[in-house]
Amino acid sequence: DMEGSGYGGDLEPPGPPGLPGTSGGLSGATVLQTYQTMMNLAHRLQEGTIILVQDRSELYVRVREGFRKIHLGEYSTFSGPGQGNEVAVEQPPIVPYPHRNKDSDYLQST
């Protein structure tokens, strides 16, 4: 019998809301220095937490029985070739025009 609960069958009501995100960072990931630190803190990390292990530059997600590594795509640096952002700060090339006397006479109009 459903007793007007609004839930059918064996479905459980939703759990309590998660903890609010930590302030000070926009990454949404918990940043830890080493893999060993992550293992040491495993019992304190909530299931579903994403962890960046800095010394390995690797991402992990906390799952029920431990951690799963998140395989990332190609690595590219901010200043690597093909990024194109260095072009924006360079000055445009100066294109020399052939010097002609009548142009300079025109520019010296009184």
N, C-alpha and C. Protein backbone atom coordinates (compact mmCIF):
# COMPACT_ATOMS: atom_id res chain seq x y z
N ASP A 1 0.83 -1.19 0.00
CA ASP A 1 0.00 0.00 0.00
C ASP A 1 0.88 1.25 0.00
N MET A 2 0.42 2.25 -0.77
CA MET A 2 1.28 3.41 -1.01
C MET A 2 1.06 4.50 0.03
N GLU A 3 -0.07 4.48 0.74
CA GLU A 3 -0.36 5.44 1.81
C GLU A 3 -0.20 6.89 1.36
N GLY A 4 -0.44 7.17 0.07
CA GLY A 4 -0.41 8.53 -0.42
C GLY A 4 0.95 9.19 -0.35
N SER A 5 2.02 8.38 -0.35
CA SER A 5 3.35 8.97 -0.21
C SER A 5 3.82 9.62 -1.50
N GLY A 6 3.23 9.23 -2.62
CA GLY A 6 3.67 9.79 -3.89
C GLY A 6 4.79 8.99 -4.52
N TYR A 7 5.27 7.98 -3.85
CA TYR A 7 6.33 7.14 -4.40
C TYR A 7 5.75 5.76 -4.66
N GLY A 8 6.02 5.22 -5.85
CA GLY A 8 5.47 3.92 -6.18
C GLY A 8 6.50 2.82 -6.08
N GLY A 9 6.08 1.62 -5.88
CA GLY A 9 6.97 0.47 -5.89
C GLY A 9 8.03 0.55 -4.81
N ASP A 10 9.27 0.16 -5.19
CA ASP A 10 10.37 0.13 -4.23
C ASP A 10 11.24 1.38 -4.29
N LEU A 11 10.76 2.41 -4.98
CA LEU A 11 11.57 3.63 -5.08
C LEU A 11 11.69 4.30 -3.72
N GLU A 12 12.88 4.77 -3.43
CA GLU A 12 13.10 5.47 -2.17
C GLU A 12 12.98 6.97 -2.40
N PRO A 13 12.57 7.72 -1.39
CA PRO A 13 12.54 9.18 -1.55
C PRO A 13 13.96 9.70 -1.75
N PRO A 14 14.09 10.88 -2.39
CA PRO A 14 15.44 11.41 -2.61
C PRO A 14 16.16 11.65 -1.30
N GLY A 15 17.46 11.53 -1.31
CA GLY A 15 18.27 11.72 -0.11
C GLY A 15 18.38 13.19 0.25
N PRO A 16 19.06 13.47 1.34
CA PRO A 16 19.24 14.87 1.75
C PRO A 16 20.11 15.61 0.74
N PRO A 17 19.96 16.93 0.65
CA PRO A 17 20.79 17.68 -0.31
C PRO A 17 22.26 17.56 0.05
N GLY A 18 23.11 17.66 -0.96
CA GLY A 18 24.55 17.56 -0.74
C GLY A 18 25.10 18.79 -0.04
N LEU A 19 26.34 18.68 0.37
CA LEU A 19 26.99 19.81 1.02
C LEU A 19 27.21 20.93 0.01
N PRO A 20 27.15 22.18 0.45
CA PRO A 20 27.45 23.29 -0.48
C PRO A 20 28.90 23.23 -0.92
N GLY A 21 29.17 23.75 -2.10
CA GLY A 21 30.53 23.73 -2.64
C GLY A 21 31.48 24.55 -1.79
N THR A 22 32.74 24.21 -1.85
CA THR A 22 33.73 24.95 -1.09
C THR A 22 33.98 26.29 -1.76
N SER A 23 34.19 27.32 -0.95
CA SER A 23 34.42 28.64 -1.52
C SER A 23 35.89 28.81 -1.86
N GLY A 24 36.17 29.77 -2.70
CA GLY A 24 37.55 30.09 -3.01
C GLY A 24 38.05 29.51 -4.31
N GLY A 25 37.32 28.58 -4.90
CA GLY A 25 37.77 28.01 -6.16
C GLY A 25 36.60 27.80 -7.08
N LEU A 26 36.85 27.90 -8.37
CA LEU A 26 35.79 27.70 -9.34
C LEU A 26 35.89 26.35 -10.03
N SER A 27 36.86 25.55 -9.65
CA SER A 27 37.10 24.31 -10.38
C SER A 27 36.05 23.26 -10.11
N GLY A 28 35.48 23.24 -8.91
CA GLY A 28 34.53 22.22 -8.56
C GLY A 28 35.19 20.90 -8.18
N ALA A 29 36.50 20.85 -8.19
CA ALA A 29 37.23 19.64 -7.83
C ALA A 29 37.99 19.88 -6.53
N THR A 30 38.16 18.81 -5.77
CA THR A 30 39.00 18.87 -4.58
C THR A 30 40.44 18.68 -5.04
N VAL A 31 41.31 19.63 -4.71
CA VAL A 31 42.70 19.57 -5.16
C VAL A 31 43.56 19.03 -4.02
N LEU A 32 44.24 17.92 -4.28
CA LEU A 32 45.14 17.31 -3.29
C LEU A 32 46.53 17.20 -3.89
N GLN A 33 47.53 17.31 -3.03
CA GLN A 33 48.91 17.36 -3.51
C GLN A 33 49.38 16.03 -4.11
N THR A 34 49.07 14.93 -3.41
CA THR A 34 49.61 13.63 -3.85
C THR A 34 48.53 12.56 -3.85
N TYR A 35 48.81 11.48 -4.54
CA TYR A 35 47.93 10.31 -4.57
C TYR A 35 47.77 9.75 -3.16
N GLN A 36 48.87 9.72 -2.41
CA GLN A 36 48.82 9.18 -1.04
C GLN A 36 47.90 10.00 -0.15
N THR A 37 47.91 11.32 -0.33
CA THR A 37 47.00 12.18 0.43
C THR A 37 45.56 11.80 0.14
N MET A 38 45.25 11.55 -1.13
CA MET A 38 43.90 11.15 -1.51
C MET A 38 43.52 9.84 -0.81
N MET A 39 44.43 8.88 -0.80
CA MET A 39 44.14 7.60 -0.16
C MET A 39 43.95 7.79 1.35
N ASN A 40 44.75 8.66 1.95
CA ASN A 40 44.64 8.90 3.39
C ASN A 40 43.31 9.57 3.75
N LEU A 41 42.78 10.39 2.84
CA LEU A 41 41.54 11.12 3.11
C LEU A 41 40.31 10.42 2.56
N ALA A 42 40.47 9.22 2.04
CA ALA A 42 39.38 8.52 1.35
C ALA A 42 38.10 8.47 2.19
N HIS A 43 38.23 8.19 3.47
CA HIS A 43 37.05 8.05 4.33
C HIS A 43 36.32 9.37 4.53
N ARG A 44 36.99 10.49 4.28
CA ARG A 44 36.37 11.81 4.47
C ARG A 44 35.79 12.37 3.18
N LEU A 45 36.11 11.77 2.04
CA LEU A 45 35.63 12.28 0.76
C LEU A 45 34.30 11.62 0.41
N GLN A 46 33.31 12.46 0.09
CA GLN A 46 32.00 11.94 -0.26
C GLN A 46 32.03 11.22 -1.60
N GLU A 47 31.18 10.21 -1.72
CA GLU A 47 31.02 9.54 -3.01
C GLU A 47 30.59 10.57 -4.05
N GLY A 48 31.23 10.54 -5.21
CA GLY A 48 30.92 11.51 -6.26
C GLY A 48 31.86 12.70 -6.29
N THR A 49 32.72 12.82 -5.28
CA THR A 49 33.69 13.92 -5.25
C THR A 49 34.73 13.73 -6.35
N ILE A 50 35.05 14.81 -7.05
CA ILE A 50 36.10 14.77 -8.07
C ILE A 50 37.38 15.33 -7.44
N ILE A 51 38.47 14.60 -7.61
CA ILE A 51 39.74 14.96 -6.99
C ILE A 51 40.80 15.16 -8.06
N LEU A 52 41.50 16.30 -8.00
CA LEU A 52 42.67 16.52 -8.84
C LEU A 52 43.90 16.22 -8.00
N VAL A 53 44.70 15.24 -8.42
CA VAL A 53 45.96 14.93 -7.75
C VAL A 53 47.04 15.72 -8.46
N GLN A 54 47.56 16.77 -7.79
CA GLN A 54 48.44 17.73 -8.45
C GLN A 54 49.74 17.14 -8.96
N ASP A 55 50.40 16.30 -8.15
CA ASP A 55 51.72 15.84 -8.59
C ASP A 55 51.64 14.89 -9.77
N ARG A 56 50.46 14.33 -10.03
CA ARG A 56 50.29 13.44 -11.19
C ARG A 56 49.49 14.10 -12.32
N SER A 57 48.89 15.25 -12.04
CA SER A 57 47.97 15.90 -12.99
C SER A 57 46.90 14.92 -13.45
N GLU A 58 46.31 14.21 -12.49
CA GLU A 58 45.29 13.21 -12.79
C GLU A 58 44.01 13.52 -12.03
N LEU A 59 42.88 13.14 -12.64
CA LEU A 59 41.57 13.31 -12.01
C LEU A 59 41.03 11.96 -11.57
N TYR A 60 40.39 11.94 -10.41
CA TYR A 60 39.75 10.74 -9.89
C TYR A 60 38.35 11.11 -9.41
N VAL A 61 37.46 10.13 -9.38
CA VAL A 61 36.15 10.33 -8.78
C VAL A 61 35.99 9.31 -7.65
N ARG A 62 35.45 9.77 -6.53
CA ARG A 62 35.25 8.90 -5.37
C ARG A 62 34.02 8.04 -5.63
N VAL A 63 34.19 6.74 -5.59
CA VAL A 63 33.09 5.79 -5.76
C VAL A 63 32.95 4.98 -4.47
N ARG A 64 31.96 4.10 -4.44
CA ARG A 64 31.62 3.41 -3.20
C ARG A 64 32.80 2.66 -2.59
N GLU A 65 33.55 1.94 -3.39
CA GLU A 65 34.62 1.10 -2.85
C GLU A 65 36.01 1.71 -2.99
N GLY A 66 36.10 2.95 -3.46
CA GLY A 66 37.43 3.54 -3.62
C GLY A 66 37.40 4.73 -4.57
N PHE A 67 38.29 4.68 -5.56
CA PHE A 67 38.41 5.77 -6.53
C PHE A 67 38.45 5.19 -7.94
N ARG A 68 37.97 5.96 -8.91
CA ARG A 68 38.13 5.60 -10.31
C ARG A 68 38.83 6.75 -11.00
N LYS A 69 39.83 6.41 -11.80
CA LYS A 69 40.57 7.44 -12.54
C LYS A 69 39.71 7.92 -13.71
N ILE A 70 39.70 9.23 -13.92
CA ILE A 70 38.99 9.82 -15.06
C ILE A 70 40.02 10.05 -16.15
N HIS A 71 39.83 9.39 -17.29
CA HIS A 71 40.79 9.52 -18.39
C HIS A 71 40.48 10.80 -19.16
N LEU A 72 41.50 11.63 -19.28
CA LEU A 72 41.34 12.94 -19.91
C LEU A 72 41.81 12.91 -21.35
N GLY A 73 41.40 13.90 -22.10
CA GLY A 73 41.81 14.02 -23.49
C GLY A 73 43.20 14.59 -23.62
N GLU A 74 43.49 15.06 -24.82
CA GLU A 74 44.82 15.57 -25.15
C GLU A 74 45.19 16.75 -24.25
N TYR A 75 46.45 16.78 -23.85
CA TYR A 75 46.95 17.85 -22.98
C TYR A 75 47.49 18.99 -23.84
N SER A 76 47.11 20.21 -23.50
CA SER A 76 47.67 21.35 -24.21
C SER A 76 47.96 22.45 -23.19
N THR A 77 49.08 23.14 -23.40
CA THR A 77 49.47 24.20 -22.49
C THR A 77 48.89 25.52 -22.96
N PHE A 78 48.90 26.51 -22.09
CA PHE A 78 48.38 27.83 -22.45
C PHE A 78 49.20 28.46 -23.55
N SER A 79 50.53 28.22 -23.55
CA SER A 79 51.39 28.88 -24.52
C SER A 79 51.84 27.94 -25.63
N GLY A 80 51.19 26.81 -25.75
CA GLY A 80 51.59 25.82 -26.75
C GLY A 80 51.29 26.27 -28.16
N PRO A 81 51.89 25.61 -29.14
CA PRO A 81 51.63 25.97 -30.54
C PRO A 81 50.18 25.70 -30.90
N GLY A 82 49.65 26.54 -31.78
CA GLY A 82 48.29 26.33 -32.24
C GLY A 82 47.23 26.93 -31.34
N GLN A 83 47.63 27.53 -30.24
CA GLN A 83 46.65 28.13 -29.35
C GLN A 83 46.10 29.42 -29.95
N GLY A 84 46.98 30.23 -30.53
CA GLY A 84 46.53 31.44 -31.20
C GLY A 84 46.39 32.64 -30.30
N ASN A 85 46.44 32.49 -28.96
CA ASN A 85 46.24 33.67 -28.13
C ASN A 85 47.45 34.59 -28.11
N GLU A 86 48.62 34.12 -28.52
CA GLU A 86 49.76 35.02 -28.55
C GLU A 86 49.65 36.02 -29.69
N VAL A 87 48.83 35.72 -30.69
CA VAL A 87 48.69 36.62 -31.83
C VAL A 87 48.00 37.91 -31.40
N ALA A 88 47.10 37.82 -30.46
CA ALA A 88 46.31 38.99 -30.06
C ALA A 88 47.17 40.07 -29.42
N VAL A 89 48.28 39.71 -28.79
CA VAL A 89 49.09 40.72 -28.13
C VAL A 89 50.22 41.24 -29.01
N GLU A 90 50.48 40.59 -30.12
CA GLU A 90 51.52 41.07 -31.03
C GLU A 90 51.00 42.26 -31.82
N GLN A 91 51.92 43.17 -32.16
CA GLN A 91 51.52 44.29 -32.99
C GLN A 91 51.34 43.80 -34.43
N PRO A 92 50.42 44.39 -35.16
CA PRO A 92 50.27 44.00 -36.57
C PRO A 92 51.53 44.35 -37.35
N PRO A 93 51.82 43.60 -38.37
CA PRO A 93 53.04 43.88 -39.15
C PRO A 93 52.94 45.24 -39.82
N ILE A 94 54.08 45.91 -39.92
CA ILE A 94 54.14 47.21 -40.60
C ILE A 94 54.42 46.94 -42.07
N VAL A 95 53.51 47.40 -42.91
CA VAL A 95 53.69 47.19 -44.35
C VAL A 95 54.24 48.48 -44.95
N PRO A 96 55.48 48.46 -45.42
CA PRO A 96 56.04 49.69 -45.99
C PRO A 96 55.43 49.99 -47.36
N TYR A 97 55.09 51.25 -47.57
CA TYR A 97 54.59 51.67 -48.87
C TYR A 97 55.72 52.36 -49.61
N PRO A 98 55.74 52.26 -50.91
CA PRO A 98 56.78 52.97 -51.69
C PRO A 98 56.66 54.48 -51.44
N HIS A 99 57.79 55.09 -51.18
CA HIS A 99 57.79 56.53 -50.89
C HIS A 99 57.69 57.31 -52.19
N ARG A 100 56.72 58.20 -52.21
CA ARG A 100 56.58 59.07 -53.39
C ARG A 100 56.52 60.51 -52.91
N ASN A 101 57.21 61.38 -53.62
CA ASN A 101 57.32 62.77 -53.19
C ASN A 101 55.98 63.47 -53.11
N LYS A 102 55.09 63.19 -54.06
CA LYS A 102 53.83 63.92 -54.04
C LYS A 102 52.99 63.56 -52.81
N ASP A 103 53.16 62.31 -52.27
CA ASP A 103 52.44 61.95 -51.04
C ASP A 103 52.95 62.80 -49.87
N SER A 104 54.29 62.92 -49.77
CA SER A 104 54.83 63.69 -48.65
C SER A 104 54.50 65.17 -48.80
N ASP A 105 54.43 65.65 -50.03
CA ASP A 105 54.04 67.04 -50.25
C ASP A 105 52.60 67.24 -49.78
N TYR A 106 51.75 66.25 -50.06
CA TYR A 106 50.34 66.35 -49.68
C TYR A 106 50.20 66.37 -48.15
N LEU A 107 51.03 65.52 -47.45
CA LEU A 107 50.95 65.44 -46.00
C LEU A 107 51.43 66.74 -45.34
N GLN A 108 52.27 67.52 -46.04
CA GLN A 108 52.79 68.76 -45.47
C GLN A 108 51.93 69.96 -45.84
N SER A 109 50.66 69.73 -46.06
CA SER A 109 49.79 70.84 -46.48
C SER A 109 49.74 71.90 -45.39
N THR A 110 49.76 73.17 -45.81
CA THR A 110 49.82 74.27 -44.85
C THR A 110 48.46 74.92 -44.68
